Amino acid sequence: MTDGEPFDPAFALHRGGKMAVQATVPVRNRDDLSLAYTPGVAKVCSAIAEQPELVHDYTWKSQVVAVVTDGSAVLGLGDIGPEASLPVMEGKAILFKQFGGVDAVPIALDCRDVDEIVETVARFAPSFGGVNLEDISAPRCFEIERKLQERVDIPIFHDDQHGTAVVTLAALRNAAKLTNRALGQLRAVISGAGAAGVAIARILTEAGIGDVAVCDRKGVVSPDREDLTDVKRELAGFTNKAGLTGSLEAALDGADVFIGVSGGTVPEDAVAKMAPDAFIFAMANPNPEIHPDVAHQYASVVATGRSDFPNQINNVLAFPGIFAGALQVRASRITEGMKLAAAEALAAVVADELSADKVIPSPFDDRVAPAVTAAVAAAARAEGVARR
C-alpha cells in the first residue's frame, strides 16, 4: 500500500510482520548473561556433544517447527515466489503457536529443484523438531516429502495434503454418524487430483470408505488412461473399485459424497443426480465448486472451506495438535495411524453435539488441540515411532 491510498486494515496489521522472537529467560545483569551465553552455555554444549539426545531437554528443538515453502502454490494465489509467500508463512507460524502452543519459524526457499529443496531442508533439520511443508506445488510436493522423510529422523508433514485430509475425514465420519451410516456404505467422488485430493483419497481408503473415485481435469483417474503421472497411476491403483470412467459429472451420478479441492464449478444438474441424503464438501476458496445455496437443495450435510458458512473444513483444526502430539513424544515421523487417530479425536470433540450445521468443531473450540495432541501422541507410541 502506498501513501495516499485508502486505509486497509490488512496492510496495517501486517506492517513490520506478524511475529517476533521472545526470550524465555531474563538477561538483566552480568550473572544472567554469563549463564545464558558464555561461559555458562559452554557446559550445556559439551553435555549435548557427549549425549546428543540432551538437545531435546536443553534447547527449544522439541518445541519448534520449520514452516517451509518455495512459494510455488500459495493459497489461491498460485506461484508468487518466496518473498510474497512470507506473509502466509508468518500466519501459519502464529497459528501453530495460538492453536497448538508450538513455536514455528517461517522459511521461504529461493529454489524449485526437488533435490535442492530436500538437501537444504535436510541440512537445517537438526535445529527443529519437525518440518511443515507448505504451499509447494504438486507433483513435486509428494517427492519432496518422501525424500525428506527418508533423510531425516523428525516428522515431515505437508499440511496441504494431510491436514486437509484429516479434517475432511473427521467431518465425513460425523456426517455419516448423523445419518446412521458407516463409511463403508458410502461412495465418494473427489474433484481434484493434486496434493489435497490424493491425500484425502488415501486417508478415506485407510479409514474404510466404500469406494472413492478421483477426478482431474480430464475426468476419472482410472488405470486405462495413458496420460497419468506416477502419482496418479498409483492413485488409480487403490481407488475407483467400481471401475468408473469418463467425466466428473458422470461419476457423481448416484454418489453419496462430493469432495471438492479443485476450484471450478460443478453443474447443478450433476449435483441433482447424487444419491439421497448426500454430503457435499465443496472446499475451494473463495468460490466453492458448488455454492452452499445449491448444495443444500440436494444434500443433507454441506461443508466448505469458508468461515462464513457452517462446517468449515479448516486445516487449523489439525496441524497444531498433530505437531504438538508428535513433538511431545519426540516422534521420528507422522504415520498414517497418527493421522487417523487425529481425525477420530477431532470428530469426537463434537460427537455429542451433531447437527447438519455442526459435523466439525470450530477452530476456536478449546477442546480441539488437546484432544488431537493426546490422540496423536498415543498413536505414535502404539506405532513405535515415539522416542519418549
Protein backbone atom coordinates (compact mmCIF):
# COMPACT_ATOMS: atom_id res chain seq x y z
CA MET A 1 0.00 0.00 0.00
CA THR A 2 1.39 3.41 -0.94
CA ASP A 3 0.82 6.82 0.64
CA GLY A 4 -2.48 8.35 -0.37
CA GLU A 5 -4.32 5.05 -0.79
CA PRO A 6 -7.38 4.34 1.41
CA PHE A 7 -6.69 2.71 4.78
CA ASP A 8 -6.62 -1.08 4.53
CA PRO A 9 -6.65 -3.00 7.85
CA ALA A 10 -4.86 -5.98 6.28
CA PHE A 11 -1.85 -3.83 5.42
CA ALA A 12 -1.97 -2.13 8.80
CA LEU A 13 -1.91 -5.48 10.61
CA HIS A 14 0.98 -6.80 8.52
CA ARG A 15 3.26 -3.75 8.78
CA GLY A 16 6.52 -4.89 10.36
CA GLY A 17 5.47 -8.53 10.20
CA LYS A 18 3.21 -10.58 12.46
CA MET A 19 5.72 -12.30 14.75
CA ALA A 20 8.95 -11.87 16.72
CA VAL A 21 11.39 -13.90 18.82
CA GLN A 22 10.90 -13.57 22.56
CA ALA A 23 13.33 -14.77 25.24
CA THR A 24 12.08 -17.25 27.85
CA VAL A 25 14.84 -16.39 30.33
CA PRO A 26 15.89 -12.97 31.69
CA VAL A 27 19.15 -11.27 30.77
CA ARG A 28 19.12 -8.44 33.35
CA ASN A 29 22.69 -8.39 34.59
CA ARG A 30 26.18 -9.86 34.29
CA ASP A 31 25.23 -13.10 36.07
CA ASP A 32 22.26 -13.69 33.77
CA LEU A 33 24.43 -13.03 30.75
CA SER A 34 27.11 -15.45 31.90
CA LEU A 35 24.51 -18.21 32.25
CA ALA A 36 22.50 -17.55 29.10
CA TYR A 37 25.62 -17.11 26.99
CA THR A 38 29.31 -17.61 27.62
CA PRO A 39 30.69 -19.15 29.76
CA GLY A 40 27.64 -20.99 31.09
CA VAL A 41 26.38 -22.07 27.68
CA ALA A 42 29.60 -23.99 27.08
CA LYS A 43 28.71 -26.52 29.78
CA VAL A 44 25.43 -27.27 28.06
CA CYS A 45 27.06 -27.54 24.64
CA SER A 46 29.62 -30.00 25.98
CA ALA A 47 26.93 -32.12 27.59
CA ILE A 48 24.96 -32.28 24.33
CA ALA A 49 28.12 -33.17 22.40
CA GLU A 50 28.58 -36.14 24.74
CA GLN A 51 24.88 -37.10 24.81
CA PRO A 52 23.17 -35.75 21.66
CA GLU A 53 19.68 -36.65 22.92
CA LEU A 54 20.06 -33.91 25.57
CA VAL A 55 19.44 -31.36 22.80
CA HIS A 56 15.73 -32.01 23.35
CA ASP A 57 15.96 -31.05 27.03
CA TYR A 58 18.27 -28.06 26.87
CA THR A 59 17.23 -26.30 23.64
CA TRP A 60 13.93 -25.47 22.00
CA LYS A 61 14.37 -28.20 19.37
CA SER A 62 11.48 -30.31 20.65
CA GLN A 63 9.15 -27.33 20.70
CA VAL A 64 9.76 -25.74 17.31
CA VAL A 65 8.74 -26.48 13.74
CA ALA A 66 10.10 -25.10 10.47
CA VAL A 67 7.36 -23.87 8.10
CA VAL A 68 8.96 -24.31 4.69
CA THR A 69 7.79 -23.18 1.27
CA ASP A 70 9.13 -22.32 -2.16
CA GLY A 71 6.20 -20.04 -2.91
CA SER A 72 5.03 -22.14 -5.85
CA ALA A 73 1.40 -22.81 -4.83
CA VAL A 74 0.37 -20.19 -2.28
CA LEU A 75 -3.28 -20.31 -1.23
CA GLY A 76 -5.38 -19.30 -4.23
CA LEU A 77 -2.61 -17.02 -5.50
CA GLY A 78 -0.54 -19.68 -7.24
CA ASP A 79 3.18 -19.26 -7.97
CA ILE A 80 4.07 -15.93 -6.36
CA GLY A 81 7.62 -16.70 -5.22
CA PRO A 82 9.33 -16.92 -1.83
CA GLU A 83 9.20 -13.27 -0.73
CA ALA A 84 5.49 -12.88 -1.49
CA SER A 85 4.76 -16.12 0.38
CA LEU A 86 6.22 -14.85 3.66
CA PRO A 87 3.02 -13.23 5.00
CA VAL A 88 1.28 -16.60 4.63
CA MET A 89 4.15 -18.47 6.29
CA GLU A 90 4.19 -15.97 9.17
CA GLY A 91 0.46 -16.50 9.51
CA LYS A 92 0.95 -20.25 9.60
CA ALA A 93 3.60 -19.87 12.28
CA ILE A 94 1.36 -17.83 14.57
CA LEU A 95 -1.45 -20.36 14.08
CA PHE A 96 0.91 -23.07 15.34
CA LYS A 97 1.52 -21.01 18.46
CA GLN A 98 -2.03 -19.80 19.01
CA PHE A 99 -3.79 -23.11 18.48
CA GLY A 100 -1.18 -25.68 19.49
CA GLY A 101 1.37 -23.95 21.69
CA VAL A 102 4.06 -24.87 19.17
CA ASP A 103 6.75 -22.38 18.13
CA ALA A 104 7.34 -22.15 14.40
CA VAL A 105 9.79 -20.39 12.10
CA PRO A 106 8.78 -19.39 8.54
CA ILE A 107 11.39 -20.26 5.90
CA ALA A 108 10.89 -19.33 2.23
CA LEU A 109 13.37 -21.01 -0.11
CA ASP A 110 14.58 -19.48 -3.36
CA CYS A 111 14.81 -22.74 -5.28
CA ARG A 112 12.46 -25.09 -7.11
CA ASP A 113 14.54 -28.17 -7.82
CA VAL A 114 13.31 -31.12 -5.75
CA ASP A 115 16.76 -32.34 -4.73
CA GLU A 116 17.95 -28.82 -3.86
CA ILE A 117 14.96 -28.30 -1.57
CA VAL A 118 15.50 -31.70 0.05
CA GLU A 119 19.19 -31.04 0.57
CA THR A 120 18.58 -27.56 2.00
CA VAL A 121 15.93 -28.68 4.48
CA ALA A 122 17.88 -31.78 5.49
CA ARG A 123 20.87 -29.61 6.37
CA PHE A 124 18.95 -27.30 8.70
CA ALA A 125 16.75 -30.07 10.12
CA PRO A 126 18.93 -30.53 13.27
CA SER A 127 17.62 -27.16 14.50
CA PHE A 128 13.97 -28.29 14.51
CA GLY A 129 11.67 -30.90 15.98
CA GLY A 130 9.65 -31.14 12.78
CA VAL A 131 9.10 -29.64 9.34
CA ASN A 132 5.78 -28.44 7.99
CA LEU A 133 5.94 -28.22 4.19
CA GLU A 134 3.59 -25.55 2.92
CA ASP A 135 2.29 -24.32 -0.43
CA ILE A 136 4.63 -26.37 -2.62
CA SER A 137 3.12 -27.32 -5.97
CA ALA A 138 2.18 -30.85 -6.99
CA PRO A 139 3.54 -33.24 -8.02
CA ARG A 140 6.89 -32.05 -6.60
CA CYS A 141 5.40 -31.86 -3.09
CA PHE A 142 4.94 -35.65 -2.96
CA GLU A 143 8.55 -36.37 -3.92
CA ILE A 144 9.95 -33.70 -1.59
CA GLU A 145 8.03 -35.04 1.38
CA ARG A 146 9.02 -38.64 0.67
CA LYS A 147 12.70 -37.93 0.09
CA LEU A 148 12.97 -35.67 3.12
CA GLN A 149 11.39 -38.22 5.43
CA GLU A 150 13.91 -40.77 4.17
CA ARG A 151 16.76 -38.38 5.01
CA VAL A 152 15.84 -37.11 8.48
CA ASP A 153 14.52 -38.55 11.75
CA ILE A 154 11.98 -35.82 12.53
CA PRO A 155 8.41 -35.54 11.26
CA ILE A 156 7.95 -34.16 7.74
CA PHE A 157 4.35 -33.14 7.13
CA HIS A 158 2.91 -31.50 4.02
CA ASP A 159 -0.12 -29.79 5.51
CA ASP A 160 -1.81 -29.05 2.19
CA GLN A 161 -2.10 -32.82 1.83
CA HIS A 162 -2.54 -34.30 5.24
CA GLY A 163 -4.11 -31.51 7.27
CA THR A 164 -6.90 -31.21 4.74
CA ALA A 165 -7.31 -34.97 4.66
CA VAL A 166 -7.56 -35.32 8.45
CA VAL A 167 -10.22 -32.63 8.81
CA THR A 168 -12.18 -33.96 5.84
CA LEU A 169 -12.25 -37.46 7.30
CA ALA A 170 -13.35 -36.15 10.69
CA ALA A 171 -16.25 -34.24 9.15
CA LEU A 172 -17.23 -37.19 6.98
CA ARG A 173 -17.25 -39.54 9.98
CA ASN A 174 -19.65 -37.26 11.79
CA ALA A 175 -21.85 -36.72 8.74
CA ALA A 176 -22.16 -40.49 8.37
CA LYS A 177 -22.92 -40.86 12.08
CA LEU A 178 -25.56 -38.15 11.87
CA THR A 179 -27.36 -40.04 9.10
CA ASN A 180 -26.86 -43.51 10.66
CA ARG A 181 -24.45 -44.74 8.03
CA ALA A 182 -21.00 -46.27 8.13
CA LEU A 183 -18.10 -45.08 5.98
CA GLY A 184 -18.15 -48.45 4.26
CA GLN A 185 -21.60 -47.69 2.89
CA LEU A 186 -20.51 -44.53 1.11
CA ARG A 187 -19.24 -43.90 -2.41
CA ALA A 188 -17.28 -40.66 -2.69
CA VAL A 189 -16.13 -38.59 -5.65
CA ILE A 190 -13.20 -36.20 -5.25
CA SER A 191 -12.74 -33.31 -7.66
CA GLY A 192 -9.03 -32.57 -7.76
CA ALA A 193 -6.06 -34.91 -8.04
CA GLY A 194 -3.45 -32.58 -6.58
CA ALA A 195 -1.90 -32.63 -3.12
CA ALA A 196 -5.14 -32.49 -1.13
CA GLY A 197 -7.14 -34.77 -3.42
CA VAL A 198 -4.56 -37.55 -3.35
CA ALA A 199 -4.16 -37.37 0.44
CA ILE A 200 -7.92 -37.35 1.01
CA ALA A 201 -8.35 -40.40 -1.22
CA ARG A 202 -5.61 -42.18 0.68
CA ILE A 203 -6.94 -41.46 4.17
CA LEU A 204 -10.54 -42.30 3.19
CA THR A 205 -9.32 -45.63 1.82
CA GLU A 206 -7.36 -46.30 5.03
CA ALA A 207 -10.48 -45.42 7.04
CA GLY A 208 -12.63 -47.92 5.16
CA ILE A 209 -14.68 -45.84 2.71
CA GLY A 210 -16.88 -47.99 0.48
CA ASP A 211 -15.38 -46.57 -2.69
CA VAL A 212 -13.77 -43.34 -3.83
CA ALA A 213 -13.09 -42.06 -7.33
CA VAL A 214 -10.80 -39.11 -8.01
CA CYS A 215 -11.27 -36.78 -10.96
CA ASP A 216 -8.84 -34.37 -12.56
CA ARG A 217 -9.41 -32.01 -15.49
CA LYS A 218 -9.72 -34.95 -17.88
CA GLY A 219 -12.17 -36.95 -15.80
CA VAL A 220 -11.93 -40.00 -13.57
CA VAL A 221 -8.39 -41.12 -12.75
CA SER A 222 -8.55 -44.71 -13.99
CA PRO A 223 -5.92 -47.29 -14.97
CA ASP A 224 -6.97 -47.26 -18.63
CA ARG A 225 -5.76 -43.68 -19.10
CA GLU A 226 -2.39 -43.26 -20.78
CA ASP A 227 -1.71 -39.71 -19.58
CA LEU A 228 -1.26 -40.42 -15.87
CA THR A 229 1.71 -39.24 -13.84
CA ASP A 230 3.35 -41.71 -11.48
CA VAL A 231 1.34 -40.27 -8.58
CA LYS A 232 -1.95 -40.58 -10.44
CA ARG A 233 -1.08 -44.07 -11.64
CA GLU A 234 -0.58 -45.12 -8.02
CA LEU A 235 -3.83 -43.35 -7.12
CA ALA A 236 -5.70 -45.29 -9.80
CA GLY A 237 -4.41 -48.49 -8.27
CA PHE A 238 -6.17 -48.14 -4.92
CA THR A 239 -9.28 -46.10 -5.82
CA ASN A 240 -12.33 -46.50 -8.04
CA LYS A 241 -13.36 -50.07 -7.27
CA ALA A 242 -16.45 -49.51 -9.41
CA GLY A 243 -14.26 -49.02 -12.48
CA LEU A 244 -15.81 -45.67 -13.41
CA THR A 245 -14.54 -43.79 -16.45
CA GLY A 246 -15.49 -40.52 -18.07
CA SER A 247 -16.36 -37.16 -16.59
CA LEU A 248 -16.77 -35.86 -13.05
CA GLU A 249 -20.44 -35.26 -13.80
CA ALA A 250 -20.93 -38.90 -14.79
CA ALA A 251 -19.11 -40.11 -11.66
CA LEU A 252 -21.45 -38.07 -9.46
CA ASP A 253 -24.50 -40.00 -10.67
CA GLY A 254 -25.63 -41.90 -7.56
CA ALA A 255 -22.63 -40.82 -5.45
CA ASP A 256 -23.09 -40.31 -1.71
CA VAL A 257 -20.25 -37.83 -1.22
CA PHE A 258 -18.73 -34.97 -3.21
CA ILE A 259 -15.39 -33.57 -2.06
CA GLY A 260 -14.09 -30.57 -3.95
CA VAL A 261 -10.45 -29.47 -3.74
CA SER A 262 -10.02 -28.16 -7.25
CA GLY A 263 -11.92 -24.99 -7.99
CA GLY A 264 -14.18 -24.75 -10.99
CA THR A 265 -17.94 -25.17 -10.92
CA VAL A 266 -19.99 -28.36 -10.86
CA PRO A 267 -23.23 -28.07 -12.87
CA GLU A 268 -26.40 -28.22 -10.78
CA ASP A 269 -27.89 -30.96 -12.93
CA ALA A 270 -24.93 -33.21 -11.98
CA VAL A 271 -25.45 -32.42 -8.29
CA ALA A 272 -29.13 -33.29 -8.62
CA LYS A 273 -28.20 -36.83 -9.69
CA MET A 274 -26.34 -37.61 -6.47
CA ALA A 275 -27.85 -40.13 -4.04
CA PRO A 276 -30.46 -39.01 -1.47
CA ASP A 277 -29.01 -37.56 1.77
CA ALA A 278 -25.74 -36.82 0.02
CA PHE A 279 -22.80 -34.99 1.61
CA ILE A 280 -21.26 -32.09 -0.28
CA PHE A 281 -17.88 -30.79 0.88
CA ALA A 282 -17.10 -28.01 -1.63
CA MET A 283 -13.86 -26.63 -0.26
CA ALA A 284 -12.43 -24.36 -2.96
CA ASN A 285 -11.75 -20.82 -1.76
CA PRO A 286 -13.12 -18.24 -2.17
CA ASN A 287 -15.64 -19.80 -4.56
CA PRO A 288 -16.85 -23.32 -3.65
CA GLU A 289 -17.28 -25.75 -6.53
CA ILE A 290 -20.95 -26.00 -5.55
CA HIS A 291 -22.42 -22.95 -3.83
CA PRO A 292 -23.99 -23.85 -0.46
CA ASP A 293 -27.36 -22.46 -1.58
CA VAL A 294 -27.38 -25.01 -4.40
CA ALA A 295 -25.82 -27.79 -2.33
CA HIS A 296 -28.48 -27.55 0.39
CA GLN A 297 -31.17 -28.34 -2.17
CA TYR A 298 -29.72 -31.82 -2.67
CA ALA A 299 -27.52 -32.66 0.34
CA SER A 300 -28.17 -33.40 4.00
CA VAL A 301 -24.76 -32.07 5.08
CA VAL A 302 -22.82 -29.28 3.39
CA ALA A 303 -19.30 -28.12 4.23
CA THR A 304 -16.98 -25.56 2.66
CA GLY A 305 -13.55 -24.06 3.21
CA ARG A 306 -15.03 -20.70 4.15
CA SER A 307 -15.51 -19.25 7.60
CA ASP A 308 -18.82 -17.55 6.73
CA PHE A 309 -20.67 -20.86 6.25
CA PRO A 310 -21.21 -23.70 8.76
CA ASN A 311 -18.89 -26.72 8.77
CA GLN A 312 -15.66 -25.05 7.73
CA ILE A 313 -13.02 -27.60 6.69
CA ASN A 314 -10.03 -25.73 8.10
CA ASN A 315 -6.56 -27.22 8.45
CA VAL A 316 -6.00 -25.27 11.66
CA LEU A 317 -8.16 -27.93 13.31
CA ALA A 318 -5.45 -30.49 12.57
CA PHE A 319 -1.86 -29.35 12.13
CA PRO A 320 -1.26 -27.64 15.52
CA GLY A 321 -2.43 -30.67 17.50
CA ILE A 322 -0.74 -33.16 15.19
CA PHE A 323 2.62 -31.48 15.61
CA ALA A 324 2.09 -30.88 19.33
CA GLY A 325 1.45 -34.59 19.80
CA ALA A 326 4.39 -35.62 17.65
CA LEU A 327 6.76 -33.24 19.43
CA GLN A 328 5.50 -34.28 22.85
CA VAL A 329 6.76 -37.83 22.30
CA ARG A 330 9.68 -36.85 20.05
CA ALA A 331 8.24 -38.84 17.16
CA SER A 332 10.54 -39.65 14.26
CA ARG A 333 7.73 -39.35 11.71
CA ILE A 334 3.97 -38.89 11.37
CA THR A 335 2.36 -42.18 10.37
CA GLU A 336 -0.95 -42.95 8.71
CA GLY A 337 -2.12 -44.28 12.06
CA MET A 338 -1.36 -40.96 13.72
CA LYS A 339 -3.39 -39.12 11.07
CA LEU A 340 -6.31 -41.50 11.50
CA ALA A 341 -6.13 -41.02 15.26
CA ALA A 342 -6.17 -37.25 14.79
CA ALA A 343 -9.27 -37.47 12.61
CA GLU A 344 -11.06 -39.71 15.08
CA ALA A 345 -10.22 -37.42 18.01
CA LEU A 346 -11.31 -34.35 16.07
CA ALA A 347 -14.63 -35.94 15.16
CA ALA A 348 -15.20 -37.00 18.77
CA VAL A 349 -14.97 -33.41 20.04
CA VAL A 350 -18.49 -32.66 18.75
CA ALA A 351 -19.82 -36.22 18.56
CA ASP A 352 -22.49 -35.46 21.17
CA GLU A 353 -23.49 -32.15 19.57
CA LEU A 354 -24.03 -33.22 15.97
CA SER A 355 -26.36 -31.44 13.59
CA ALA A 356 -26.36 -30.76 9.87
CA ASP A 357 -24.59 -27.47 10.60
CA LYS A 358 -22.13 -28.95 13.09
CA VAL A 359 -20.21 -32.00 11.92
CA ILE A 360 -16.83 -30.42 12.69
CA PRO A 361 -15.70 -28.20 15.59
CA SER A 362 -14.96 -24.51 15.27
CA PRO A 363 -11.26 -23.62 15.05
CA PHE A 364 -11.84 -21.66 18.27
CA ASP A 365 -13.12 -24.66 20.23
CA ASP A 366 -10.62 -25.02 23.08
CA ARG A 367 -11.16 -28.79 23.19
CA VAL A 368 -9.67 -29.42 19.75
CA ALA A 369 -5.91 -29.11 20.21
CA PRO A 370 -5.70 -31.09 23.50
CA ALA A 371 -7.81 -33.89 22.04
CA VAL A 372 -5.78 -34.15 18.83
CA THR A 373 -2.48 -33.82 20.70
CA ALA A 374 -3.28 -36.66 23.08
CA ALA A 375 -4.55 -38.95 20.32
CA VAL A 376 -1.52 -38.38 18.11
CA ALA A 377 0.93 -38.92 20.97
CA ALA A 378 -0.79 -42.18 21.93
CA ALA A 379 -0.81 -43.38 18.32
CA ALA A 380 2.89 -42.56 17.95
CA ARG A 381 3.67 -44.71 20.97
CA ALA A 382 1.45 -47.53 19.69
CA GLU A 383 3.15 -47.47 16.28
CA GLY A 384 6.69 -47.42 17.66
CA VAL A 385 7.78 -44.01 16.36
CA ALA A 386 7.85 -42.26 19.76
CA ARG A 387 11.18 -41.73 21.49
CA ARG A 388 9.94 -40.72 24.93
